[in-house]
Amino acid sequence: MKSKNKTKDFVLFAFFIAIELVLMLTPLGYIPIGLIRATTLHIPVIICAIFLGYKASIGLGLVFGLTSLFVNTFYPTPTSFIFSPFIKIGGVSGNFASLLIVLVPRIILGISAKFFYDLINKITNNDTISIIISSIVATFIHTFLVLSGIYIFFKEPYSMLKNIPYDNLLKVMVGIVASNGIMEMTIASILSVSIIKALKLNIKRGS
């Protein structure tokens, strides 16, 4: 039985990796909005975390980060130096901080999704509510960490590229959370509930 479950988990994990790669290679994964890209690649990480646990979510979060590194290296936008140490735009080069921004929030995304799912489930004993809240919180944490990294390590060049006064950068960051962040949180919660319910039903039928 344990061997059968491990095989199922491995197949599911491979399935999630395949989804990440498909999203990376299509317009569905990174949606250009102004100088930045909104993403949907966080959604498989959240679903993977809830389904397969911490280890798998860390692995898929790493895949998410590496896809972002790949996209920003080979298909750069004006702010790609933030997410790739191999890019230099307008005299500004990416560096080790770029690796931190592109990888760490993606890994923490899955960890936080699993943590809050388990926590809310214990409190409410309601799977749907747990999925919705954990998806929203994990997405918010991911967005917050990315923007915090930008603010800490690249605030001056980011301000120049956004063509805003340096002192107003924090307001712009809040605006990004209020627009892109809310959109990503809403999409994540809706899709996570739908996909997880469907997966659980199919797995139950196949078991």
N, C-alpha and C. Protein backbone atom coordinates (compact mmCIF):
# COMPACT_ATOMS: atom_id res chain seq x y z
N MET A 1 0.83 -1.21 0.00
CA MET A 1 0.00 0.00 0.00
C MET A 1 0.86 1.26 0.00
N LYS A 2 1.94 1.25 0.84
CA LYS A 2 2.82 2.40 0.90
C LYS A 2 3.50 2.64 -0.45
N SER A 3 3.90 1.53 -1.11
CA SER A 3 4.54 1.65 -2.41
C SER A 3 3.58 2.23 -3.44
N LYS A 4 2.31 1.82 -3.36
CA LYS A 4 1.29 2.33 -4.29
C LYS A 4 1.07 3.82 -4.06
N ASN A 5 1.03 4.23 -2.79
CA ASN A 5 0.83 5.64 -2.48
C ASN A 5 2.02 6.48 -2.93
N LYS A 6 3.23 5.93 -2.76
CA LYS A 6 4.43 6.66 -3.20
C LYS A 6 4.42 6.85 -4.71
N THR A 7 3.97 5.82 -5.42
CA THR A 7 3.89 5.91 -6.88
C THR A 7 2.89 6.98 -7.30
N LYS A 8 1.74 7.01 -6.62
CA LYS A 8 0.72 8.04 -6.91
C LYS A 8 1.28 9.44 -6.65
N ASP A 9 1.98 9.58 -5.53
CA ASP A 9 2.55 10.88 -5.18
C ASP A 9 3.60 11.31 -6.21
N PHE A 10 4.40 10.36 -6.64
CA PHE A 10 5.44 10.67 -7.64
C PHE A 10 4.80 11.10 -8.96
N VAL A 11 3.76 10.40 -9.37
CA VAL A 11 3.06 10.74 -10.62
C VAL A 11 2.42 12.13 -10.50
N LEU A 12 1.82 12.42 -9.35
CA LEU A 12 1.21 13.72 -9.14
C LEU A 12 2.25 14.84 -9.16
N PHE A 13 3.39 14.57 -8.52
CA PHE A 13 4.45 15.57 -8.49
C PHE A 13 4.98 15.85 -9.90
N ALA A 14 5.16 14.78 -10.68
CA ALA A 14 5.59 14.95 -12.08
C ALA A 14 4.54 15.72 -12.87
N PHE A 15 3.27 15.48 -12.57
CA PHE A 15 2.17 16.20 -13.22
C PHE A 15 2.25 17.70 -12.91
N PHE A 16 2.52 18.03 -11.66
CA PHE A 16 2.63 19.44 -11.26
C PHE A 16 3.84 20.11 -11.93
N ILE A 17 4.93 19.38 -12.05
CA ILE A 17 6.11 19.93 -12.74
C ILE A 17 5.77 20.21 -14.20
N ALA A 18 5.06 19.27 -14.82
CA ALA A 18 4.67 19.44 -16.22
C ALA A 18 3.79 20.67 -16.40
N ILE A 19 2.87 20.90 -15.46
CA ILE A 19 2.02 22.09 -15.52
C ILE A 19 2.85 23.36 -15.42
N GLU A 20 3.82 23.37 -14.49
CA GLU A 20 4.70 24.53 -14.35
C GLU A 20 5.42 24.84 -15.66
N LEU A 21 5.92 23.79 -16.31
CA LEU A 21 6.67 23.98 -17.55
C LEU A 21 5.76 24.47 -18.68
N VAL A 22 4.54 23.94 -18.73
CA VAL A 22 3.58 24.40 -19.75
C VAL A 22 3.25 25.87 -19.53
N LEU A 23 3.00 26.25 -18.28
CA LEU A 23 2.70 27.64 -17.97
C LEU A 23 3.87 28.55 -18.32
N MET A 24 5.09 28.06 -18.06
CA MET A 24 6.28 28.85 -18.37
C MET A 24 6.40 29.11 -19.87
N LEU A 25 6.04 28.12 -20.67
CA LEU A 25 6.25 28.20 -22.11
C LEU A 25 5.07 28.81 -22.87
N THR A 26 4.01 29.19 -22.14
CA THR A 26 2.84 29.78 -22.78
C THR A 26 2.52 31.13 -22.13
N PRO A 27 1.71 31.94 -22.79
CA PRO A 27 1.32 33.24 -22.20
C PRO A 27 0.51 33.11 -20.92
N LEU A 28 0.04 31.91 -20.60
CA LEU A 28 -0.77 31.71 -19.40
C LEU A 28 0.05 31.83 -18.12
N GLY A 29 1.36 31.62 -18.23
CA GLY A 29 2.20 31.60 -17.04
C GLY A 29 2.62 32.96 -16.56
N TYR A 30 3.06 33.80 -17.48
CA TYR A 30 3.51 35.16 -17.14
C TYR A 30 2.75 36.16 -17.99
N ILE A 31 1.93 36.96 -17.33
CA ILE A 31 1.07 37.90 -18.03
C ILE A 31 1.64 39.30 -17.88
N PRO A 32 2.16 39.89 -18.97
CA PRO A 32 2.75 41.23 -18.85
C PRO A 32 1.73 42.29 -18.45
N ILE A 33 2.06 43.04 -17.41
CA ILE A 33 1.23 44.17 -16.98
C ILE A 33 2.16 45.34 -16.70
N GLY A 34 2.23 46.25 -17.64
CA GLY A 34 3.16 47.37 -17.48
C GLY A 34 4.60 46.89 -17.52
N LEU A 35 5.37 47.26 -16.49
CA LEU A 35 6.77 46.86 -16.43
C LEU A 35 7.00 45.54 -15.72
N ILE A 36 5.95 44.90 -15.25
CA ILE A 36 6.10 43.66 -14.52
C ILE A 36 5.23 42.58 -15.14
N ARG A 37 5.38 41.36 -14.64
CA ARG A 37 4.57 40.25 -15.11
C ARG A 37 3.77 39.69 -13.94
N ALA A 38 2.46 39.59 -14.10
CA ALA A 38 1.65 38.83 -13.15
C ALA A 38 1.83 37.36 -13.49
N THR A 39 1.71 36.50 -12.49
CA THR A 39 1.98 35.09 -12.74
C THR A 39 0.85 34.20 -12.26
N THR A 40 0.73 33.03 -12.89
CA THR A 40 -0.18 31.99 -12.42
C THR A 40 0.59 30.76 -11.96
N LEU A 41 1.92 30.81 -12.03
CA LEU A 41 2.72 29.65 -11.68
C LEU A 41 2.72 29.34 -10.19
N HIS A 42 2.21 30.26 -9.39
CA HIS A 42 2.13 29.98 -7.95
C HIS A 42 1.01 29.01 -7.62
N ILE A 43 0.03 28.89 -8.51
CA ILE A 43 -1.15 28.06 -8.21
C ILE A 43 -0.81 26.57 -8.12
N PRO A 44 -0.06 25.97 -9.07
CA PRO A 44 0.31 24.56 -8.90
C PRO A 44 1.13 24.31 -7.63
N VAL A 45 1.94 25.28 -7.21
CA VAL A 45 2.73 25.11 -5.98
C VAL A 45 1.80 25.01 -4.78
N ILE A 46 0.78 25.86 -4.73
CA ILE A 46 -0.19 25.82 -3.63
C ILE A 46 -0.93 24.49 -3.61
N ILE A 47 -1.40 24.06 -4.77
CA ILE A 47 -2.14 22.80 -4.85
C ILE A 47 -1.24 21.62 -4.48
N CYS A 48 -0.02 21.64 -4.96
CA CYS A 48 0.95 20.58 -4.65
C CYS A 48 1.21 20.53 -3.15
N ALA A 49 1.34 21.69 -2.52
CA ALA A 49 1.61 21.74 -1.08
C ALA A 49 0.47 21.10 -0.29
N ILE A 50 -0.76 21.42 -0.66
CA ILE A 50 -1.92 20.89 0.05
C ILE A 50 -2.07 19.40 -0.18
N PHE A 51 -1.75 18.94 -1.38
CA PHE A 51 -1.90 17.54 -1.73
C PHE A 51 -0.75 16.68 -1.23
N LEU A 52 0.48 17.13 -1.44
CA LEU A 52 1.65 16.27 -1.25
C LEU A 52 2.55 16.65 -0.08
N GLY A 53 2.31 17.82 0.54
CA GLY A 53 3.07 18.16 1.73
C GLY A 53 4.27 19.05 1.48
N TYR A 54 5.05 19.23 2.55
CA TYR A 54 6.12 20.21 2.56
C TYR A 54 7.24 19.91 1.56
N LYS A 55 7.73 18.68 1.55
CA LYS A 55 8.88 18.35 0.69
C LYS A 55 8.56 18.59 -0.78
N ALA A 56 7.41 18.11 -1.22
CA ALA A 56 7.03 18.29 -2.62
C ALA A 56 6.82 19.76 -2.94
N SER A 57 6.24 20.50 -2.00
CA SER A 57 5.99 21.92 -2.25
C SER A 57 7.30 22.70 -2.37
N ILE A 58 8.30 22.32 -1.57
CA ILE A 58 9.61 22.97 -1.67
C ILE A 58 10.23 22.67 -3.04
N GLY A 59 10.11 21.41 -3.47
CA GLY A 59 10.65 21.04 -4.78
C GLY A 59 9.97 21.78 -5.91
N LEU A 60 8.64 21.87 -5.86
CA LEU A 60 7.92 22.56 -6.93
C LEU A 60 8.12 24.06 -6.85
N GLY A 61 8.25 24.59 -5.64
CA GLY A 61 8.57 26.01 -5.48
C GLY A 61 9.91 26.34 -6.11
N LEU A 62 10.86 25.43 -5.96
CA LEU A 62 12.16 25.62 -6.60
C LEU A 62 12.03 25.60 -8.12
N VAL A 63 11.20 24.69 -8.64
CA VAL A 63 10.95 24.65 -10.08
C VAL A 63 10.33 25.97 -10.54
N PHE A 64 9.39 26.49 -9.79
CA PHE A 64 8.76 27.78 -10.09
C PHE A 64 9.82 28.87 -10.17
N GLY A 65 10.70 28.91 -9.16
CA GLY A 65 11.75 29.91 -9.16
C GLY A 65 12.69 29.79 -10.34
N LEU A 66 13.04 28.56 -10.70
CA LEU A 66 13.95 28.34 -11.82
C LEU A 66 13.29 28.71 -13.15
N THR A 67 11.98 28.47 -13.27
CA THR A 67 11.29 28.89 -14.51
C THR A 67 11.30 30.41 -14.62
N SER A 68 11.12 31.10 -13.49
CA SER A 68 11.15 32.56 -13.49
C SER A 68 12.55 33.06 -13.86
N LEU A 69 13.55 32.39 -13.34
CA LEU A 69 14.93 32.74 -13.68
C LEU A 69 15.18 32.55 -15.18
N PHE A 70 14.68 31.45 -15.73
CA PHE A 70 14.84 31.15 -17.15
C PHE A 70 14.15 32.21 -18.02
N VAL A 71 12.89 32.51 -17.69
CA VAL A 71 12.12 33.46 -18.48
C VAL A 71 12.76 34.84 -18.45
N ASN A 72 13.18 35.28 -17.28
CA ASN A 72 13.76 36.62 -17.15
C ASN A 72 15.16 36.71 -17.74
N THR A 73 15.83 35.58 -17.89
CA THR A 73 17.16 35.57 -18.49
C THR A 73 17.08 35.57 -20.01
N PHE A 74 16.18 34.76 -20.55
CA PHE A 74 16.13 34.59 -22.00
C PHE A 74 15.03 35.40 -22.69
N TYR A 75 14.07 35.89 -21.91
CA TYR A 75 13.02 36.75 -22.46
C TYR A 75 12.86 37.97 -21.55
N PRO A 76 13.88 38.78 -21.46
CA PRO A 76 13.90 39.85 -20.45
C PRO A 76 12.92 40.99 -20.72
N THR A 77 12.47 41.59 -19.64
CA THR A 77 11.72 42.83 -19.65
C THR A 77 12.61 43.89 -18.99
N PRO A 78 12.18 45.15 -18.94
CA PRO A 78 13.03 46.17 -18.32
C PRO A 78 13.41 45.91 -16.87
N THR A 79 12.66 45.06 -16.16
CA THR A 79 12.98 44.78 -14.76
C THR A 79 13.53 43.38 -14.52
N SER A 80 13.96 42.71 -15.57
CA SER A 80 14.40 41.32 -15.43
C SER A 80 15.68 41.16 -14.62
N PHE A 81 16.47 42.24 -14.49
CA PHE A 81 17.68 42.15 -13.67
C PHE A 81 17.33 41.86 -12.20
N ILE A 82 16.10 42.17 -11.81
CA ILE A 82 15.65 41.89 -10.44
C ILE A 82 15.56 40.39 -10.20
N PHE A 83 15.26 39.63 -11.24
CA PHE A 83 15.02 38.20 -11.10
C PHE A 83 16.09 37.33 -11.75
N SER A 84 17.10 37.94 -12.31
CA SER A 84 18.18 37.16 -12.94
C SER A 84 19.51 37.87 -12.75
N PRO A 85 20.50 37.15 -12.19
CA PRO A 85 21.83 37.74 -12.02
C PRO A 85 22.60 37.86 -13.33
N PHE A 86 22.04 37.31 -14.40
CA PHE A 86 22.72 37.28 -15.69
C PHE A 86 22.30 38.43 -16.61
N ILE A 87 21.42 39.29 -16.13
CA ILE A 87 20.86 40.36 -16.96
C ILE A 87 21.38 41.72 -16.52
N LYS A 88 21.73 42.54 -17.51
CA LYS A 88 22.12 43.92 -17.26
C LYS A 88 21.30 44.81 -18.17
N ILE A 89 20.54 45.72 -17.56
CA ILE A 89 19.66 46.61 -18.31
C ILE A 89 19.88 48.04 -17.83
N GLY A 90 20.16 48.94 -18.77
CA GLY A 90 20.34 50.34 -18.42
C GLY A 90 21.45 50.59 -17.43
N GLY A 91 22.49 49.78 -17.51
CA GLY A 91 23.63 49.93 -16.60
C GLY A 91 23.43 49.28 -15.24
N VAL A 92 22.27 48.65 -15.03
CA VAL A 92 21.99 47.97 -13.76
C VAL A 92 22.05 46.46 -13.97
N SER A 93 22.85 45.79 -13.15
CA SER A 93 23.03 44.35 -13.29
C SER A 93 22.34 43.60 -12.17
N GLY A 94 21.84 42.42 -12.51
CA GLY A 94 21.36 41.53 -11.48
C GLY A 94 22.53 40.99 -10.68
N ASN A 95 22.26 40.46 -9.50
CA ASN A 95 23.32 39.96 -8.64
C ASN A 95 22.79 38.85 -7.76
N PHE A 96 23.50 38.55 -6.68
CA PHE A 96 23.07 37.46 -5.79
C PHE A 96 21.70 37.74 -5.20
N ALA A 97 21.39 39.01 -4.97
CA ALA A 97 20.06 39.36 -4.45
C ALA A 97 18.96 38.94 -5.42
N SER A 98 19.27 38.96 -6.72
CA SER A 98 18.30 38.52 -7.72
C SER A 98 17.93 37.06 -7.50
N LEU A 99 18.92 36.24 -7.17
CA LEU A 99 18.66 34.82 -6.89
C LEU A 99 17.79 34.66 -5.65
N LEU A 100 18.05 35.47 -4.64
CA LEU A 100 17.23 35.41 -3.44
C LEU A 100 15.78 35.74 -3.76
N ILE A 101 15.57 36.79 -4.55
CA ILE A 101 14.21 37.23 -4.88
C ILE A 101 13.49 36.20 -5.75
N VAL A 102 14.20 35.60 -6.68
CA VAL A 102 13.57 34.69 -7.63
C VAL A 102 13.32 33.30 -7.03
N LEU A 103 14.07 32.91 -5.99
CA LEU A 103 13.95 31.56 -5.45
C LEU A 103 13.26 31.49 -4.08
N VAL A 104 13.70 32.31 -3.14
CA VAL A 104 13.23 32.18 -1.75
C VAL A 104 11.72 32.35 -1.61
N PRO A 105 11.09 33.41 -2.18
CA PRO A 105 9.64 33.54 -2.02
C PRO A 105 8.87 32.37 -2.62
N ARG A 106 9.39 31.76 -3.68
CA ARG A 106 8.71 30.64 -4.35
C ARG A 106 8.76 29.39 -3.48
N ILE A 107 9.85 29.21 -2.75
CA ILE A 107 9.97 28.07 -1.85
C ILE A 107 9.07 28.28 -0.63
N ILE A 108 9.09 29.48 -0.07
CA ILE A 108 8.25 29.78 1.10
C ILE A 108 6.77 29.73 0.74
N LEU A 109 6.43 30.00 -0.50
CA LEU A 109 5.04 29.94 -0.97
C LEU A 109 4.39 28.61 -0.63
N GLY A 110 5.05 27.52 -1.02
CA GLY A 110 4.49 26.19 -0.76
C GLY A 110 4.45 25.84 0.71
N ILE A 111 5.51 26.22 1.43
CA ILE A 111 5.56 25.95 2.87
C ILE A 111 4.42 26.65 3.59
N SER A 112 4.20 27.91 3.25
CA SER A 112 3.13 28.67 3.90
C SER A 112 1.75 28.13 3.53
N ALA A 113 1.58 27.70 2.28
CA ALA A 113 0.29 27.14 1.86
C ALA A 113 -0.06 25.90 2.68
N LYS A 114 0.89 25.01 2.84
CA LYS A 114 0.66 23.79 3.61
C LYS A 114 0.44 24.10 5.08
N PHE A 115 1.23 25.00 5.63
CA PHE A 115 1.11 25.36 7.05
C PHE A 115 -0.27 25.93 7.36
N PHE A 116 -0.71 26.90 6.56
CA PHE A 116 -1.98 27.54 6.83
C PHE A 116 -3.17 26.64 6.49
N TYR A 117 -3.00 25.77 5.51
CA TYR A 117 -4.07 24.80 5.21
C TYR A 117 -4.30 23.89 6.41
N ASP A 118 -3.23 23.34 6.96
CA ASP A 118 -3.36 22.45 8.12
C ASP A 118 -3.92 23.21 9.32
N LEU A 119 -3.44 24.43 9.52
CA LEU A 119 -3.88 25.23 10.66
C LEU A 119 -5.37 25.55 10.57
N ILE A 120 -5.81 26.06 9.42
CA ILE A 120 -7.23 26.43 9.26
C ILE A 120 -8.13 25.20 9.30
N ASN A 121 -7.64 24.10 8.77
CA ASN A 121 -8.42 22.86 8.77
C ASN A 121 -8.67 22.37 10.19
N LYS A 122 -7.67 22.53 11.05
CA LYS A 122 -7.85 22.13 12.45
C LYS A 122 -8.89 23.01 13.14
N ILE A 123 -8.90 24.28 12.77
CA ILE A 123 -9.81 25.22 13.42
C ILE A 123 -11.24 25.07 12.90
N THR A 124 -11.38 24.96 11.57
CA THR A 124 -12.72 24.97 10.97
C THR A 124 -13.25 23.58 10.62
N ASN A 125 -12.32 22.64 10.39
CA ASN A 125 -12.69 21.31 9.91
C ASN A 125 -13.50 21.41 8.61
N ASN A 126 -13.15 22.41 7.81
CA ASN A 126 -13.83 22.65 6.53
C ASN A 126 -12.78 22.76 5.44
N ASP A 127 -12.76 21.77 4.54
CA ASP A 127 -11.71 21.69 3.54
C ASP A 127 -11.75 22.88 2.59
N THR A 128 -12.93 23.26 2.16
CA THR A 128 -13.06 24.36 1.20
C THR A 128 -12.55 25.68 1.78
N ILE A 129 -12.98 25.99 2.99
CA ILE A 129 -12.51 27.21 3.64
C ILE A 129 -11.00 27.19 3.85
N SER A 130 -10.48 26.03 4.21
CA SER A 130 -9.04 25.90 4.44
C SER A 130 -8.25 26.15 3.16
N ILE A 131 -8.75 25.62 2.05
CA ILE A 131 -8.07 25.82 0.77
C ILE A 131 -8.11 27.30 0.37
N ILE A 132 -9.28 27.92 0.51
CA ILE A 132 -9.42 29.32 0.12
C ILE A 132 -8.50 30.22 0.94
N ILE A 133 -8.54 30.08 2.25
CA ILE A 133 -7.74 30.95 3.11
C ILE A 133 -6.25 30.71 2.92
N SER A 134 -5.85 29.44 2.87
CA SER A 134 -4.42 29.15 2.70
C SER A 134 -3.90 29.64 1.35
N SER A 135 -4.74 29.55 0.30
CA SER A 135 -4.34 30.03 -1.02
C SER A 135 -4.14 31.54 -1.01
N ILE A 136 -5.07 32.24 -0.37
CA ILE A 136 -4.98 33.71 -0.30
C ILE A 136 -3.77 34.14 0.52
N VAL A 137 -3.59 33.53 1.69
CA VAL A 137 -2.48 33.92 2.57
C VAL A 137 -1.14 33.59 1.93
N ALA A 138 -1.01 32.40 1.35
CA ALA A 138 0.26 32.01 0.73
C ALA A 138 0.61 32.92 -0.44
N THR A 139 -0.40 33.26 -1.25
CA THR A 139 -0.16 34.16 -2.38
C THR A 139 0.25 35.54 -1.90
N PHE A 140 -0.40 36.02 -0.84
CA PHE A 140 -0.03 37.33 -0.28
C PHE A 140 1.41 37.31 0.24
N ILE A 141 1.78 36.25 0.96
CA ILE A 141 3.14 36.15 1.49
C ILE A 141 4.15 36.15 0.35
N HIS A 142 3.84 35.41 -0.71
CA HIS A 142 4.73 35.34 -1.87
C HIS A 142 4.91 36.73 -2.50
N THR A 143 3.79 37.41 -2.74
CA THR A 143 3.85 38.76 -3.32
C THR A 143 4.61 39.72 -2.42
N PHE A 144 4.32 39.66 -1.12
CA PHE A 144 4.98 40.54 -0.14
C PHE A 144 6.49 40.32 -0.14
N LEU A 145 6.92 39.07 -0.17
CA LEU A 145 8.35 38.77 -0.13
C LEU A 145 9.06 39.25 -1.40
N VAL A 146 8.42 39.05 -2.55
CA VAL A 146 9.01 39.51 -3.82
C VAL A 146 9.17 41.02 -3.81
N LEU A 147 8.10 41.72 -3.46
CA LEU A 147 8.14 43.19 -3.47
C LEU A 147 9.08 43.72 -2.39
N SER A 148 9.16 43.05 -1.25
CA SER A 148 10.09 43.47 -0.20
C SER A 148 11.53 43.33 -0.68
N GLY A 149 11.80 42.23 -1.40
CA GLY A 149 13.14 42.04 -1.96
C GLY A 149 13.49 43.13 -2.96
N ILE A 150 12.53 43.48 -3.80
CA ILE A 150 12.75 44.57 -4.76
C ILE A 150 13.04 45.88 -4.02
N TYR A 151 12.25 46.16 -3.00
CA TYR A 151 12.40 47.42 -2.25
C TYR A 151 13.75 47.47 -1.52
N ILE A 152 14.16 46.37 -0.94
CA ILE A 152 15.40 46.34 -0.17
C ILE A 152 16.64 46.41 -1.06
N PHE A 153 16.63 45.64 -2.16
CA PHE A 153 17.85 45.48 -2.95
C PHE A 153 17.90 46.33 -4.23
N PHE A 154 16.73 46.69 -4.77
CA PHE A 154 16.73 47.36 -6.08
C PHE A 154 15.82 48.58 -6.13
N LYS A 155 15.62 49.26 -5.01
CA LYS A 155 14.63 50.33 -5.00
C LYS A 155 15.01 51.51 -5.90
N GLU A 156 16.28 51.84 -5.97
CA GLU A 156 16.68 52.99 -6.80
C GLU A 156 16.46 52.73 -8.29
N PRO A 157 17.02 51.63 -8.86
CA PRO A 157 16.77 51.39 -10.29
C PRO A 157 15.30 51.11 -10.60
N TYR A 158 14.60 50.47 -9.65
CA TYR A 158 13.18 50.21 -9.87
C TYR A 158 12.39 51.51 -9.93
N SER A 159 12.74 52.46 -9.06
CA SER A 159 12.08 53.77 -9.08
C SER A 159 12.32 54.49 -10.40
N MET A 160 13.54 54.40 -10.92
CA MET A 160 13.87 55.04 -12.19
C MET A 160 13.08 54.42 -13.34
N LEU A 161 12.99 53.08 -13.34
CA LEU A 161 12.28 52.40 -14.42
C LEU A 161 10.77 52.68 -14.36
N LYS A 162 10.25 52.80 -13.16
CA LYS A 162 8.83 53.11 -13.02
C LYS A 162 8.54 54.59 -13.23
N ASN A 163 9.63 55.38 -13.31
CA ASN A 163 9.51 56.82 -13.55
C ASN A 163 8.65 57.49 -12.46
N ILE A 164 8.98 57.16 -11.22
CA ILE A 164 8.29 57.75 -10.09
C ILE A 164 9.32 58.33 -9.12
N PRO A 165 8.94 59.29 -8.30
CA PRO A 165 9.85 59.81 -7.27
C PRO A 165 10.28 58.70 -6.32
N TYR A 166 11.53 58.74 -5.94
CA TYR A 166 12.10 57.71 -5.08
C TYR A 166 11.31 57.56 -3.78
N ASP A 167 10.86 58.67 -3.23
CA ASP A 167 10.16 58.64 -1.95
C ASP A 167 8.76 58.03 -2.05
N ASN A 168 8.24 57.91 -3.26
CA ASN A 168 6.89 57.37 -3.44
C ASN A 168 6.88 55.88 -3.79
N LEU A 169 8.07 55.25 -3.77
CA LEU A 169 8.15 53.85 -4.19
C LEU A 169 7.28 52.94 -3.32
N LEU A 170 7.27 53.20 -2.03
CA LEU A 170 6.48 52.35 -1.13
C LEU A 170 5.00 52.39 -1.50
N LYS A 171 4.51 53.56 -1.88
CA LYS A 171 3.11 53.69 -2.29
C LYS A 171 2.85 52.87 -3.56
N VAL A 172 3.83 52.87 -4.46
CA VAL A 172 3.69 52.09 -5.69
C VAL A 172 3.62 50.61 -5.37
N MET A 173 4.45 50.16 -4.42
CA MET A 173 4.45 48.76 -4.02
C MET A 173 3.09 48.36 -3.44
N VAL A 174 2.54 49.23 -2.63
CA VAL A 174 1.21 48.97 -2.06
C VAL A 174 0.17 48.89 -3.18
N GLY A 175 0.32 49.75 -4.18
CA GLY A 175 -0.58 49.72 -5.33
C GLY A 175 -0.49 48.42 -6.10
N ILE A 176 0.72 47.89 -6.23
CA ILE A 176 0.91 46.61 -6.92
C ILE A 176 0.22 45.49 -6.16
N VAL A 177 0.35 45.50 -4.83
CA VAL A 177 -0.32 44.49 -4.02
C VAL A 177 -1.84 44.62 -4.16
N ALA A 178 -2.31 45.86 -4.22
CA ALA A 178 -3.75 46.10 -4.31
C ALA A 178 -4.32 45.72 -5.67
N SER A 179 -3.48 45.71 -6.70
CA SER A 179 -3.97 45.37 -8.04
C SER A 179 -3.58 43.94 -8.41
N ASN A 180 -2.30 43.73 -8.73
CA ASN A 180 -1.84 42.40 -9.13
C ASN A 180 -2.01 41.38 -8.03
N GLY A 181 -1.67 41.79 -6.78
CA GLY A 181 -1.73 40.85 -5.67
C GLY A 181 -3.14 40.34 -5.43
N ILE A 182 -4.10 41.24 -5.40
CA ILE A 182 -5.49 40.83 -5.17
C ILE A 182 -5.98 39.94 -6.31
N MET A 183 -5.59 40.29 -7.55
CA MET A 183 -5.98 39.47 -8.69
C MET A 183 -5.41 38.06 -8.57
N GLU A 184 -4.12 37.96 -8.22
CA GLU A 184 -3.47 36.66 -8.09
C GLU A 184 -4.07 35.86 -6.93
N MET A 185 -4.40 36.53 -5.82
CA MET A 185 -5.01 35.85 -4.68
C MET A 185 -6.39 35.31 -5.03
N THR A 186 -7.17 36.10 -5.76
CA THR A 186 -8.52 35.68 -6.14
C THR A 186 -8.47 34.48 -7.08
N ILE A 187 -7.63 34.58 -8.10
CA ILE A 187 -7.50 33.48 -9.06
C ILE A 187 -6.99 32.22 -8.37
N ALA A 188 -6.00 32.38 -7.48
CA ALA A 188 -5.43 31.23 -6.77
C ALA A 188 -6.47 30.51 -5.93
N SER A 189 -7.29 31.28 -5.21
CA SER A 189 -8.29 30.65 -4.33
C SER A 189 -9.36 29.92 -5.13
N ILE A 190 -9.82 30.53 -6.22
CA ILE A 190 -10.88 29.91 -7.04
C ILE A 190 -10.37 28.64 -7.72
N LEU A 191 -9.22 28.74 -8.38
CA LEU A 191 -8.69 27.59 -9.10
C LEU A 191 -8.22 26.49 -8.16
N SER A 192 -7.65 26.86 -7.03
CA SER A 192 -7.16 25.85 -6.09
C SER A 192 -8.32 24.99 -5.58
N VAL A 193 -9.42 25.63 -5.20
CA VAL A 193 -10.58 24.87 -4.72
C VAL A 193 -11.11 23.95 -5.81
N SER A 194 -11.27 24.48 -7.01
CA SER A 194 -11.84 23.69 -8.11
C SER A 194 -10.95 22.50 -8.46
N ILE A 195 -9.64 22.75 -8.60
CA ILE A 195 -8.72 21.71 -9.03
C ILE A 195 -8.52 20.66 -7.95
N ILE A 196 -8.40 21.10 -6.69
CA ILE A 196 -8.20 20.14 -5.60
C ILE A 196 -9.42 19.23 -5.44
N LYS A 197 -10.61 19.81 -5.53
CA LYS A 197 -11.83 19.00 -5.44
C LYS A 197 -11.87 17.97 -6.57
N ALA A 198 -11.53 18.40 -7.77
CA ALA A 198 -11.55 17.49 -8.92
C ALA A 198 -10.51 16.39 -8.77
N LEU A 199 -9.31 16.75 -8.32
CA LEU A 199 -8.26 15.76 -8.14
C LEU A 199 -8.64 14.74 -7.08
N LYS A 200 -9.17 15.21 -5.98
CA LYS A 200 -9.57 14.29 -4.91
C LYS A 200 -10.64 13.33 -5.38
N LEU A 201 -11.58 13.83 -6.18
CA LEU A 201 -12.64 12.98 -6.70
C LEU A 201 -12.09 11.92 -7.64
N ASN A 202 -11.17 12.33 -8.53
CA ASN A 202 -10.59 11.37 -9.47
C ASN A 202 -9.72 10.35 -8.77
N ILE A 203 -8.97 10.79 -7.78
CA ILE A 203 -8.12 9.86 -7.04
C ILE A 203 -8.96 8.86 -6.27
N LYS A 204 -10.08 9.33 -5.68
CA LYS A 204 -10.97 8.45 -4.94
C LYS A 204 -11.58 7.41 -5.86
N ARG A 205 -11.95 7.85 -7.07
CA ARG A 205 -12.54 6.90 -8.04
C ARG A 205 -11.52 5.87 -8.50
N GLY A 206 -10.25 6.32 -8.62
CA GLY A 206 -9.22 5.42 -9.14
C GLY A 206 -8.62 4.51 -8.10
N SER A 207 -8.89 4.77 -6.81
CA SER A 207 -8.30 3.97 -5.74
C SER A 207 -9.09 2.69 -5.51
